[in-house]
Amino acid sequence: MHFNILPSQALLLKTFSYAPETGIITRIWGPTKRSDRYLNKAAGNIKADGYIYIGINKTLYLAHRIIWKMVYGCDPLDQIDHINRKRADNRIVNLRQATNTENQKNTLL
């Protein structure tokens, strides 16, 4: 599976606020006047696959991968597993790095 390389942690922390107890990312900065309408609102949209995607500079990223980089300062090494299998639950306590094999085991629970 291919994942886009995320923007820098500095840019993510400048652009978003993250509430670890709820898993919600809020947009707090935008580079243009046009982006003001998105400020102080939950960022992203849930797609048909159940994951939340967030657009940054015309590229879509998975919210849980953005959160990982915001919290830990690095891109995830592989996949991020939602421990409780709820794809939109992006609380940091629900996220863990996993290989494809480890992530697939969680779907069988």
Protein backbone atom coordinates (compact mmCIF):
# COMPACT_ATOMS: atom_id res chain seq x y z
CA MET A 1 0.00 0.00 0.00
CA HIS A 2 1.32 3.45 -0.91
CA PHE A 3 0.97 6.43 1.41
CA ASN A 4 1.74 10.05 0.59
CA ILE A 5 4.67 11.53 2.47
CA LEU A 6 3.18 13.86 5.03
CA PRO A 7 3.98 17.56 5.37
CA SER A 8 6.40 18.51 8.13
CA GLN A 9 5.33 18.24 11.75
CA ALA A 10 5.89 22.02 12.05
CA LEU A 11 3.40 22.73 9.24
CA LEU A 12 0.87 20.28 10.67
CA LEU A 13 1.10 21.84 14.14
CA LYS A 14 0.76 25.32 12.62
CA THR A 15 -2.27 24.31 10.55
CA PHE A 16 -4.17 22.01 12.92
CA SER A 17 -5.05 21.51 16.54
CA TYR A 18 -5.59 17.95 17.74
CA ALA A 19 -7.70 16.87 20.72
CA PRO A 20 -6.34 13.45 21.76
CA GLU A 21 -9.30 12.70 24.02
CA THR A 22 -11.80 13.03 21.13
CA GLY A 23 -9.58 12.35 18.10
CA ILE A 24 -10.81 15.51 16.36
CA ILE A 25 -8.49 17.64 14.26
CA THR A 26 -9.44 21.32 13.94
CA ARG A 27 -8.02 23.63 11.28
CA ILE A 28 -6.48 26.67 13.01
CA TRP A 29 -4.54 28.22 10.11
CA GLY A 30 -4.85 28.49 6.36
CA PRO A 31 -2.48 30.03 3.84
CA THR A 32 -5.12 32.08 2.00
CA LYS A 33 -8.06 34.33 2.76
CA ARG A 34 -10.27 31.74 1.02
CA SER A 35 -9.33 29.14 3.63
CA ASP A 36 -10.73 31.33 6.46
CA ARG A 37 -14.12 29.62 6.10
CA TYR A 38 -12.54 26.37 7.36
CA LEU A 39 -10.89 27.87 10.43
CA ASN A 40 -11.89 26.56 13.85
CA LYS A 41 -13.92 23.74 12.30
CA ALA A 42 -13.30 20.02 12.35
CA ALA A 43 -11.04 19.16 9.43
CA GLY A 44 -11.71 16.43 6.90
CA ASN A 45 -14.48 14.27 5.60
CA ILE A 46 -15.40 10.64 6.10
CA LYS A 47 -15.16 8.79 2.79
CA ALA A 48 -16.99 5.61 1.73
CA ASP A 49 -14.20 3.46 3.19
CA GLY A 50 -14.95 4.85 6.67
CA TYR A 51 -11.68 6.77 7.07
CA ILE A 52 -11.38 10.53 7.55
CA TYR A 53 -9.38 12.30 4.85
CA ILE A 54 -7.97 15.82 5.11
CA GLY A 55 -6.81 17.97 2.21
CA ILE A 56 -3.55 19.86 2.48
CA ASN A 57 -2.20 21.76 -0.54
CA LYS A 58 -4.48 19.84 -2.94
CA THR A 59 -3.42 16.41 -1.61
CA LEU A 60 -5.62 14.13 0.50
CA TYR A 61 -4.11 12.49 3.55
CA LEU A 62 -5.56 10.02 6.03
CA ALA A 63 -6.34 11.85 9.27
CA HIS A 64 -4.89 9.11 11.47
CA ARG A 65 -1.52 9.41 9.68
CA ILE A 66 -1.54 13.19 10.19
CA ILE A 67 -2.29 12.65 13.87
CA TRP A 68 0.56 10.18 14.20
CA LYS A 69 3.03 12.71 12.81
CA MET A 70 1.61 15.55 14.91
CA VAL A 71 1.99 13.51 18.11
CA TYR A 72 5.19 11.54 17.45
CA GLY A 73 7.01 13.81 14.98
CA CYS A 74 7.61 11.19 12.30
CA ASP A 75 5.77 9.53 9.45
CA PRO A 76 4.38 6.12 10.42
CA LEU A 77 6.73 3.33 9.37
CA ASP A 78 3.93 1.24 7.86
CA GLN A 79 0.20 1.16 8.56
CA ILE A 80 -1.77 2.65 11.43
CA ASP A 81 -4.25 0.24 13.00
CA HIS A 82 -7.43 1.41 14.69
CA ILE A 83 -7.44 -0.89 17.70
CA ASN A 84 -11.23 -0.86 18.17
CA ARG A 85 -11.72 -1.29 14.37
CA LYS A 86 -13.67 2.01 14.13
CA ARG A 87 -11.94 3.81 11.26
CA ALA A 88 -13.15 7.28 12.23
CA ASP A 89 -12.05 6.92 15.89
CA ASN A 90 -8.77 8.82 15.79
CA ARG A 91 -8.08 9.11 19.50
CA ILE A 92 -4.36 8.51 19.98
CA VAL A 93 -5.08 5.66 22.44
CA ASN A 94 -6.89 3.88 19.58
CA LEU A 95 -4.00 4.14 17.10
CA ARG A 96 -0.94 1.93 16.80
CA GLN A 97 1.65 1.23 14.13
CA ALA A 98 1.18 -2.15 12.50
CA THR A 99 2.43 -4.21 9.63
CA ASN A 100 -0.12 -5.31 7.05
CA THR A 101 -0.23 -8.77 8.68
CA GLU A 102 -0.82 -7.30 12.15
CA ASN A 103 -3.50 -4.97 10.82
CA GLN A 104 -5.28 -7.83 9.03
CA LYS A 105 -5.39 -9.89 12.26
CA ASN A 106 -7.36 -7.09 13.89
CA THR A 107 -10.10 -7.44 11.24
CA LEU A 108 -10.69 -11.04 12.31
CA LEU A 109 -11.46 -10.23 15.94
